[in-house]
Amino acid sequence: MAEFVVTIPKEFEEDFKKIDPLLLQISVQKLIKEKLEDFVRVEKIISKSKLKEKDALELGKKVNKSLSKRYEKLR
């Protein structure tokens, strides 16, 4: 398995110390998997589309914003 290093902002540091490392690892893996699946879906849509690159980037931003709102609701 590849290793992925993330810098955690200071304001989250104490909260991360309270979480079981295994639970944190599983949660982050799930989040990354879901996000990668979203990227693959968007790429598939874009590859079949006749949109210009600018339009495709805008669509991707809208998808990301929508997903961000969905994840915020889950908190």
Foldseek 3Di string as FASTA:
>chain_A
DDDDDDDDDPVCVVVVVPDDPVVVVVVVVVVVVVVVVVVVVLVVVVVPDPDDPVVSVVVVVVVVVVVVVVVVVVD
